[in-house]
Structures are given as C-alpha cells and as structure tokens.
Amino acid sequence: MKNYFIVGASSGIGRALAEKLSGGDNQVFGTYRNTEMISANNIHAHELDVTQDFGVEFLPDHLDGLIYCPGSINLKPFSRLKPEAFAEDLNLQVVGAVKIIQACMSRLKKGTDPSILMFSTVAVKSGYNFHSQVSVSKGAVEGLTKSLAAEFAPKIRVNAIAPSLTDTPLAEKLLNSDQKREANAERHPMKRIGTAQDIAAMAAFLLGEEASWITGQIMYVDGGMSAIR
C-alpha cells in the first residue's frame, strides 16, 4: 500500500491522477479549494488553500508521493500585465509548492522510494506569444525541480511534467468553441488536444517503481510541440 498526497485533486489532471492512483490498497489524500471534492473509495478529500496558512495533520505518518498541481493560465500581451499578476502566480505555483514540500518532508523521508512531482509547461522551453506570466512561474518550478532533485538525492526523487495545451477546466477559455479546438489541435504534430489522462499516465509512471532511476527531469508530454517542427 502506498500513500499519495495530491494538492489540487478536485479537477483536471489532479483528479485524473487521483483516480488512477487510488486502485488496490493505495490511499490518495487530495485537496481542493475552488471546486468542491467529495471523498470516495480510497480518495480522501480535504479543503486547503496554499496561499494561506494551513496544516497537514490529516496526512498519514508516511508519504510515498507528493504531487503539486495548482496552476493558472493568464495569456495577455506583456504590456497589459501588472507586476502584481506575476507575484500572484509565483505565490500560487512556486511559494505554494515550497510550503507544501517543507510541510511534508518528514513524511516523505519515511516513504518507500518517495517522489515529488510538479508541473511546468512546454512554453518555458519553446517560448510563445503572450505566455510571459505563466512562463515566469513555471520556469521557476523547473529550477526548483532540478535544485531539489540534487539536494534530496538519493532518498527522494523530484521531477516535473511540462504539458502542452490540455483539455481541463483550467484551459476552458482556450477551448470553448469548435473553432478554437480545431485550431489548437492543428498546432500540434499529433493533431489533437491533450487529455488529463495523457498527463496522468506519465505522472503515475514517474511516481512508480519503474521510474526509480529518474530524477531531476522535465518530461514533455505535449503532442510533439517541444521537439517537432
């Protein structure tokens, strides 16, 4: 039996991963903030806001996996973005991750092949118009991933997944018409939009025993966007 802690498990990739990991005797502890989440089967729901003070007393004595999912997509020209928007993103996606990881370190050290997983974006590597805000925070996530992987080795593995556009509630404004869906699918070499299950499959692999020699990596699950032109 393994214990997994998913921050942001109420929808999208976090929800898909919670469902994937909760099989057998595994226990998944998932948090929600804006979208209510109901405990079911081996998934235990807890309300938590990483931008405020919080406790993790609801977690078991040991964790085998910590997954940090909170994110935002705010695509605007740089001239229309206020510095406060960058600070809010960093607080949610980077400072929040730091606080959660620090709060869980003692539990992770007691886990079996414990692993931390975070999420970036293909835009950090490739560079796209109007992505400055998201790229700043996710670029910091990638730096944090590599730094912690070095510091925590060999006991705790740390990796990140960098998806392209994925069909989740977070991307709803970018996919809210047939025309937008078709145009965004055509941008990808694989000619389709990614799904939450596509990303969850890679996440589950990175958290599992078969990935026990993988750490410090940014894994691109992006329909070919980062590698093919």
C-alpha atoms as a PDB file:
ATOM      1  CA  MET A   1       0.000   0.000   0.000  1.00  0.00           C
ATOM      2  CA  LYS A   2       1.202   3.484  -0.855  1.00  0.00           C
ATOM      3  CA  ASN A   3       0.106   6.909   0.347  1.00  0.00           C
ATOM      4  CA  TYR A   4      -0.111   9.767  -2.157  1.00  0.00           C
ATOM      5  CA  PHE A   5      -0.789  13.432  -1.471  1.00  0.00           C
ATOM      6  CA  ILE A   6      -2.187  15.404  -4.409  1.00  0.00           C
ATOM      7  CA  VAL A   7      -2.515  19.148  -3.945  1.00  0.00           C
ATOM      8  CA  GLY A   8      -5.219  20.290  -6.359  1.00  0.00           C
ATOM      9  CA  ALA A   9      -7.038  16.988  -6.876  1.00  0.00           C
ATOM     10  CA  SER A  10     -10.582  18.227  -7.473  1.00  0.00           C
ATOM     11  CA  SER A  11     -10.471  18.543 -11.271  1.00  0.00           C
ATOM     12  CA  GLY A  12      -8.364  18.233 -14.399  1.00  0.00           C
ATOM     13  CA  ILE A  13      -5.018  16.462 -14.190  1.00  0.00           C
ATOM     14  CA  GLY A  14      -5.115  16.225 -10.396  1.00  0.00           C
ATOM     15  CA  ARG A  15      -8.492  14.480 -10.449  1.00  0.00           C
ATOM     16  CA  ALA A  16      -7.458  12.089 -13.229  1.00  0.00           C
ATOM     17  CA  LEU A  17      -4.303  11.192 -11.322  1.00  0.00           C
ATOM     18  CA  ALA A  18      -6.196  10.670  -8.056  1.00  0.00           C
ATOM     19  CA  GLU A  19      -8.492   8.195  -9.786  1.00  0.00           C
ATOM     20  CA  LYS A  20      -5.529   6.429 -11.408  1.00  0.00           C
ATOM     21  CA  LEU A  21      -3.513   6.089  -8.195  1.00  0.00           C
ATOM     22  CA  SER A  22      -6.370   5.049  -5.913  1.00  0.00           C
ATOM     23  CA  GLY A  23      -6.568   1.457  -7.115  1.00  0.00           C
ATOM     24  CA  GLY A  24      -5.830  -1.521  -4.896  1.00  0.00           C
ATOM     25  CA  ASP A  25      -4.867  -0.631  -1.349  1.00  0.00           C
ATOM     26  CA  ASN A  26      -3.337   2.751  -2.234  1.00  0.00           C
ATOM     27  CA  GLN A  27      -4.631   5.772  -0.336  1.00  0.00           C
ATOM     28  CA  VAL A  28      -4.879   9.178  -2.010  1.00  0.00           C
ATOM     29  CA  PHE A  29      -5.202  12.358   0.031  1.00  0.00           C
ATOM     30  CA  GLY A  30      -6.403  15.144  -2.246  1.00  0.00           C
ATOM     31  CA  THR A  31      -7.013  18.817  -1.617  1.00  0.00           C
ATOM     32  CA  TYR A  32      -9.455  21.248  -3.161  1.00  0.00           C
ATOM     33  CA  ARG A  33     -10.062  24.978  -2.963  1.00  0.00           C
ATOM     34  CA  ASN A  34     -12.479  26.432  -5.542  1.00  0.00           C
ATOM     35  CA  THR A  35     -14.041  23.197  -6.797  1.00  0.00           C
ATOM     36  CA  GLU A  36     -15.560  21.040  -4.056  1.00  0.00           C
ATOM     37  CA  MET A  37     -14.318  17.468  -3.900  1.00  0.00           C
ATOM     38  CA  ILE A  38     -16.120  14.542  -2.272  1.00  0.00           C
ATOM     39  CA  SER A  39     -14.254  11.658  -0.637  1.00  0.00           C
ATOM     40  CA  ALA A  40     -14.828   8.349  -2.441  1.00  0.00           C
ATOM     41  CA  ASN A  41     -13.285   4.882  -2.382  1.00  0.00           C
ATOM     42  CA  ASN A  42      -9.615   5.368  -1.448  1.00  0.00           C
ATOM     43  CA  ILE A  43      -9.616   9.119  -2.139  1.00  0.00           C
ATOM     44  CA  HIS A  44      -9.807  11.370   0.926  1.00  0.00           C
ATOM     45  CA  ALA A  45     -10.762  14.999   0.231  1.00  0.00           C
ATOM     46  CA  HIS A  46      -9.576  17.962   2.302  1.00  0.00           C
ATOM     47  CA  GLU A  47     -10.022  21.680   1.747  1.00  0.00           C
ATOM     48  CA  LEU A  48      -6.723  23.564   1.619  1.00  0.00           C
ATOM     49  CA  ASP A  49      -5.576  26.951   0.299  1.00  0.00           C
ATOM     50  CA  VAL A  50      -1.814  27.057  -0.264  1.00  0.00           C
ATOM     51  CA  THR A  51      -1.841  30.881  -0.360  1.00  0.00           C
ATOM     52  CA  GLN A  52      -2.945  30.976   3.295  1.00  0.00           C
ATOM     53  CA  ASP A  53      -1.696  29.373   6.489  1.00  0.00           C
ATOM     54  CA  PHE A  54      -2.516  25.665   6.539  1.00  0.00           C
ATOM     55  CA  GLY A  55      -1.809  22.424   8.349  1.00  0.00           C
ATOM     56  CA  VAL A  56      -1.361  18.870   7.078  1.00  0.00           C
ATOM     57  CA  GLU A  57      -2.463  16.986  10.177  1.00  0.00           C
ATOM     58  CA  PHE A  58      -4.873  14.962   8.042  1.00  0.00           C
ATOM     59  CA  LEU A  59      -1.986  13.194   6.311  1.00  0.00           C
ATOM     60  CA  PRO A  60      -0.684   9.766   7.382  1.00  0.00           C
ATOM     61  CA  ASP A  61       2.668   9.250   9.056  1.00  0.00           C
ATOM     62  CA  HIS A  62       4.431   8.488   5.757  1.00  0.00           C
ATOM     63  CA  LEU A  63       4.037   9.596   2.135  1.00  0.00           C
ATOM     64  CA  ASP A  64       5.289   7.770  -0.941  1.00  0.00           C
ATOM     65  CA  GLY A  65       4.345  10.516  -3.387  1.00  0.00           C
ATOM     66  CA  LEU A  66       3.661  14.255  -3.287  1.00  0.00           C
ATOM     67  CA  ILE A  67       2.095  15.850  -6.355  1.00  0.00           C
ATOM     68  CA  TYR A  68       1.654  19.614  -6.652  1.00  0.00           C
ATOM     69  CA  CYS A  69      -0.924  20.578  -9.297  1.00  0.00           C
ATOM     70  CA  PRO A  70      -2.105  24.184  -8.687  1.00  0.00           C
ATOM     71  CA  GLY A  71      -1.671  26.455 -11.683  1.00  0.00           C
ATOM     72  CA  SER A  72      -3.188  29.217 -13.772  1.00  0.00           C
ATOM     73  CA  ILE A  73      -3.299  30.273 -17.407  1.00  0.00           C
ATOM     74  CA  ASN A  74      -3.361  34.020 -17.971  1.00  0.00           C
ATOM     75  CA  LEU A  75      -2.396  34.774 -21.577  1.00  0.00           C
ATOM     76  CA  LYS A  76      -2.085  38.510 -22.257  1.00  0.00           C
ATOM     77  CA  PRO A  77       0.345  40.851 -24.004  1.00  0.00           C
ATOM     78  CA  PHE A  78       3.186  41.771 -21.661  1.00  0.00           C
ATOM     79  CA  SER A  79       2.151  45.454 -21.767  1.00  0.00           C
ATOM     80  CA  ARG A  80      -1.219  44.569 -20.232  1.00  0.00           C
ATOM     81  CA  LEU A  81       0.172  42.576 -17.323  1.00  0.00           C
ATOM     82  CA  LYS A  82       0.710  44.199 -13.953  1.00  0.00           C
ATOM     83  CA  PRO A  83       3.628  43.169 -11.729  1.00  0.00           C
ATOM     84  CA  GLU A  84       1.084  42.043  -9.141  1.00  0.00           C
ATOM     85  CA  ALA A  85      -0.150  39.355 -11.558  1.00  0.00           C
ATOM     86  CA  PHE A  86       3.342  37.851 -11.742  1.00  0.00           C
ATOM     87  CA  ALA A  87       3.600  37.927  -7.943  1.00  0.00           C
ATOM     88  CA  GLU A  88       0.234  36.180  -7.534  1.00  0.00           C
ATOM     89  CA  ASP A  89       1.281  33.427  -9.937  1.00  0.00           C
ATOM     90  CA  LEU A  90       4.602  32.922  -8.180  1.00  0.00           C
ATOM     91  CA  ASN A  91       2.857  32.770  -4.818  1.00  0.00           C
ATOM     92  CA  LEU A  92       0.473  30.068  -6.038  1.00  0.00           C
ATOM     93  CA  GLN A  93       2.761  27.944  -8.172  1.00  0.00           C
ATOM     94  CA  VAL A  94       6.192  28.336  -6.559  1.00  0.00           C
ATOM     95  CA  VAL A  95       5.859  29.601  -2.988  1.00  0.00           C
ATOM     96  CA  GLY A  96       2.869  27.298  -2.504  1.00  0.00           C
ATOM     97  CA  ALA A  97       4.927  24.333  -3.679  1.00  0.00           C
ATOM     98  CA  VAL A  98       7.775  25.288  -1.351  1.00  0.00           C
ATOM     99  CA  LYS A  99       5.407  25.485   1.635  1.00  0.00           C
ATOM    100  CA  ILE A 100       3.792  22.146   0.852  1.00  0.00           C
ATOM    101  CA  ILE A 101       7.097  20.343   0.315  1.00  0.00           C
ATOM    102  CA  GLN A 102       8.554  21.722   3.535  1.00  0.00           C
ATOM    103  CA  ALA A 103       5.424  20.702   5.447  1.00  0.00           C
ATOM    104  CA  CYS A 104       5.668  17.143   4.105  1.00  0.00           C
ATOM    105  CA  MET A 105       9.391  16.462   4.320  1.00  0.00           C
ATOM    106  CA  SER A 106       9.313  14.343   7.468  1.00  0.00           C
ATOM    107  CA  ARG A 107       6.549  12.170   5.996  1.00  0.00           C
ATOM    108  CA  LEU A 108       8.326  11.796   2.643  1.00  0.00           C
ATOM    109  CA  LYS A 109      11.534  10.666   4.368  1.00  0.00           C
ATOM    110  CA  LYS A 110       9.567   7.772   5.873  1.00  0.00           C
ATOM    111  CA  GLY A 111       8.125   6.710   2.496  1.00  0.00           C
ATOM    112  CA  THR A 112       9.157   3.885   0.182  1.00  0.00           C
ATOM    113  CA  ASP A 113      11.048   5.295  -2.833  1.00  0.00           C
ATOM    114  CA  PRO A 114       9.345   8.651  -2.201  1.00  0.00           C
ATOM    115  CA  SER A 115       8.838  11.013  -5.098  1.00  0.00           C
ATOM    116  CA  ILE A 116       7.808  14.643  -5.641  1.00  0.00           C
ATOM    117  CA  LEU A 117       6.125  15.688  -8.861  1.00  0.00           C
ATOM    118  CA  MET A 118       5.393  19.211 -10.097  1.00  0.00           C
ATOM    119  CA  PHE A 119       4.041  20.687 -13.327  1.00  0.00           C
ATOM    120  CA  SER A 120       5.583  23.115 -15.800  1.00  0.00           C
ATOM    121  CA  THR A 121       4.578  23.975 -19.384  1.00  0.00           C
ATOM    122  CA  VAL A 122       6.061  23.463 -22.839  1.00  0.00           C
ATOM    123  CA  ALA A 123       6.054  27.273 -23.158  1.00  0.00           C
ATOM    124  CA  VAL A 124       9.105  27.531 -20.881  1.00  0.00           C
ATOM    125  CA  LYS A 125      11.258  25.654 -23.391  1.00  0.00           C
ATOM    126  CA  SER A 126       9.665  26.769 -26.642  1.00  0.00           C
ATOM    127  CA  GLY A 127       8.532  30.346 -25.994  1.00  0.00           C
ATOM    128  CA  TYR A 128       5.138  31.576 -27.173  1.00  0.00           C
ATOM    129  CA  ASN A 129       3.475  34.950 -27.578  1.00  0.00           C
ATOM    130  CA  PHE A 130       1.513  36.192 -24.555  1.00  0.00           C
ATOM    131  CA  HIS A 131       2.935  33.482 -22.246  1.00  0.00           C
ATOM    132  CA  SER A 132       5.267  35.673 -20.169  1.00  0.00           C
ATOM    133  CA  GLN A 133       3.296  35.358 -16.926  1.00  0.00           C
ATOM    134  CA  VAL A 134       2.859  31.591 -16.999  1.00  0.00           C
ATOM    135  CA  SER A 135       6.425  31.066 -18.259  1.00  0.00           C
ATOM    136  CA  VAL A 136       7.939  33.054 -15.385  1.00  0.00           C
ATOM    137  CA  SER A 137       6.272  30.949 -12.699  1.00  0.00           C
ATOM    138  CA  LYS A 138       6.697  27.621 -14.490  1.00  0.00           C
ATOM    139  CA  GLY A 139      10.330  28.436 -15.264  1.00  0.00           C
ATOM    140  CA  ALA A 140      10.804  28.825 -11.516  1.00  0.00           C
ATOM    141  CA  VAL A 141       9.095  25.457 -10.996  1.00  0.00           C
ATOM    142  CA  GLU A 142      11.627  23.839 -13.330  1.00  0.00           C
ATOM    143  CA  GLY A 143      14.512  25.431 -11.436  1.00  0.00           C
ATOM    144  CA  LEU A 144      13.058  24.260  -8.144  1.00  0.00           C
ATOM    145  CA  THR A 145      12.630  20.743  -9.541  1.00  0.00           C
ATOM    146  CA  LYS A 146      16.262  20.411 -10.563  1.00  0.00           C
ATOM    147  CA  SER A 147      17.638  22.013  -7.397  1.00  0.00           C
ATOM    148  CA  LEU A 148      15.593  19.825  -5.055  1.00  0.00           C
ATOM    149  CA  ALA A 149      16.388  16.697  -7.078  1.00  0.00           C
ATOM    150  CA  ALA A 150      20.081  17.366  -6.461  1.00  0.00           C
ATOM    151  CA  GLU A 151      19.599  18.175  -2.794  1.00  0.00           C
ATOM    152  CA  PHE A 152      17.268  15.277  -1.970  1.00  0.00           C
ATOM    153  CA  ALA A 153      19.077  12.518  -3.888  1.00  0.00           C
ATOM    154  CA  PRO A 154      19.279   9.627  -3.385  1.00  0.00           C
ATOM    155  CA  LYS A 155      16.387   9.422  -0.902  1.00  0.00           C
ATOM    156  CA  ILE A 156      13.658  11.463  -2.625  1.00  0.00           C
ATOM    157  CA  ARG A 157      13.194  11.773  -6.385  1.00  0.00           C
ATOM    158  CA  VAL A 158      11.918  15.071  -7.851  1.00  0.00           C
ATOM    159  CA  ASN A 159      10.580  15.504 -11.396  1.00  0.00           C
ATOM    160  CA  ALA A 160       8.231  17.744 -13.349  1.00  0.00           C
ATOM    161  CA  ILE A 161       5.920  17.277 -16.329  1.00  0.00           C
ATOM    162  CA  ALA A 162       5.677  20.001 -18.982  1.00  0.00           C
ATOM    163  CA  PRO A 163       2.424  19.566 -20.919  1.00  0.00           C
ATOM    164  CA  SER A 164       1.138  21.485 -23.888  1.00  0.00           C
ATOM    165  CA  LEU A 165      -2.487  22.631 -24.003  1.00  0.00           C
ATOM    166  CA  THR A 166      -4.600  20.055 -22.189  1.00  0.00           C
ATOM    167  CA  ASP A 167      -8.383  19.694 -22.126  1.00  0.00           C
ATOM    168  CA  THR A 168      -9.061  20.629 -18.492  1.00  0.00           C
ATOM    169  CA  PRO A 169     -11.221  23.261 -16.762  1.00  0.00           C
ATOM    170  CA  LEU A 170      -8.102  25.442 -16.456  1.00  0.00           C
ATOM    171  CA  ALA A 171      -7.932  25.724 -20.276  1.00  0.00           C
ATOM    172  CA  GLU A 172     -11.678  26.172 -20.786  1.00  0.00           C
ATOM    173  CA  LYS A 173     -11.392  29.698 -22.248  1.00  0.00           C
ATOM    174  CA  LEU A 174      -8.927  28.451 -24.870  1.00  0.00           C
ATOM    175  CA  LEU A 175     -11.160  25.541 -25.913  1.00  0.00           C
ATOM    176  CA  ASN A 176     -14.677  26.913 -25.588  1.00  0.00           C
ATOM    177  CA  SER A 177     -15.633  26.620 -29.275  1.00  0.00           C
ATOM    178  CA  ASP A 178     -15.232  24.075 -32.058  1.00  0.00           C
ATOM    179  CA  GLN A 179     -13.103  26.560 -33.983  1.00  0.00           C
ATOM    180  CA  LYS A 180     -10.687  27.036 -31.074  1.00  0.00           C
ATOM    181  CA  ARG A 181     -10.445  23.299 -30.518  1.00  0.00           C
ATOM    182  CA  GLU A 182      -9.698  22.603 -34.164  1.00  0.00           C
ATOM    183  CA  ALA A 183      -7.130  25.394 -34.441  1.00  0.00           C
ATOM    184  CA  ASN A 184      -5.306  24.311 -31.278  1.00  0.00           C
ATOM    185  CA  ALA A 185      -5.346  20.662 -32.319  1.00  0.00           C
ATOM    186  CA  GLU A 186      -3.788  21.573 -35.680  1.00  0.00           C
ATOM    187  CA  ARG A 187      -0.906  23.357 -33.947  1.00  0.00           C
ATOM    188  CA  HIS A 188       0.268  20.046 -32.501  1.00  0.00           C
ATOM    189  CA  PRO A 189       2.158  17.457 -34.568  1.00  0.00           C
ATOM    190  CA  MET A 190      -0.179  14.797 -33.163  1.00  0.00           C
ATOM    191  CA  LYS A 191      -3.180  16.859 -34.367  1.00  0.00           C
ATOM    192  CA  ARG A 192      -5.172  16.657 -31.165  1.00  0.00           C
ATOM    193  CA  ILE A 193      -5.514  18.322 -27.777  1.00  0.00           C
ATOM    194  CA  GLY A 194      -4.009  16.530 -24.809  1.00  0.00           C
ATOM    195  CA  THR A 195      -6.251  15.000 -22.170  1.00  0.00           C
ATOM    196  CA  ALA A 196      -5.936  14.876 -18.395  1.00  0.00           C
ATOM    197  CA  GLN A 197      -5.493  11.114 -18.740  1.00  0.00           C
ATOM    198  CA  ASP A 198      -2.483  11.619 -21.069  1.00  0.00           C
ATOM    199  CA  ILE A 199      -0.708  13.612 -18.383  1.00  0.00           C
ATOM    200  CA  ALA A 200      -1.866  11.395 -15.521  1.00  0.00           C
ATOM    201  CA  ALA A 201      -0.364   8.362 -17.257  1.00  0.00           C
ATOM    202  CA  MET A 202       3.099   9.943 -17.274  1.00  0.00           C
ATOM    203  CA  ALA A 203       2.629  11.163 -13.707  1.00  0.00           C
ATOM    204  CA  ALA A 204       1.752   7.688 -12.458  1.00  0.00           C
ATOM    205  CA  PHE A 205       4.830   6.277 -14.208  1.00  0.00           C
ATOM    206  CA  LEU A 206       7.155   8.858 -12.652  1.00  0.00           C
ATOM    207  CA  LEU A 207       5.745   8.093  -9.209  1.00  0.00           C
ATOM    208  CA  GLY A 208       6.143   4.347  -9.627  1.00  0.00           C
ATOM    209  CA  GLU A 209       8.938   1.851  -9.086  1.00  0.00           C
ATOM    210  CA  GLU A 210       9.719   1.594 -12.809  1.00  0.00           C
ATOM    211  CA  ALA A 211      10.938   5.206 -12.677  1.00  0.00           C
ATOM    212  CA  SER A 212      13.215   4.667  -9.679  1.00  0.00           C
ATOM    213  CA  TRP A 213      16.308   5.837 -11.662  1.00  0.00           C
ATOM    214  CA  ILE A 214      14.653   9.045 -12.917  1.00  0.00           C
ATOM    215  CA  THR A 215      15.098  12.317 -11.045  1.00  0.00           C
ATOM    216  CA  GLY A 216      15.709  15.964 -11.893  1.00  0.00           C
ATOM    217  CA  GLN A 217      13.887  15.626 -15.206  1.00  0.00           C
ATOM    218  CA  ILE A 218      11.402  17.827 -17.051  1.00  0.00           C
ATOM    219  CA  MET A 219       9.256  15.377 -19.011  1.00  0.00           C
ATOM    220  CA  TYR A 220       7.480  16.793 -22.066  1.00  0.00           C
ATOM    221  CA  VAL A 221       4.004  15.370 -22.692  1.00  0.00           C
ATOM    222  CA  ASP A 222       2.978  17.795 -25.403  1.00  0.00           C
ATOM    223  CA  GLY A 223       1.911  16.083 -28.608  1.00  0.00           C
ATOM    224  CA  GLY A 224       5.340  16.753 -30.092  1.00  0.00           C
ATOM    225  CA  MET A 225       5.275  20.538 -29.633  1.00  0.00           C
ATOM    226  CA  SER A 226       8.701  20.811 -27.957  1.00  0.00           C
ATOM    227  CA  ALA A 227      10.567  18.598 -30.415  1.00  0.00           C
ATOM    228  CA  ILE A 228       8.945  18.621 -33.850  1.00  0.00           C
ATOM    229  CA  ARG A 229       8.541  21.426 -36.368  1.00  0.00           C
END
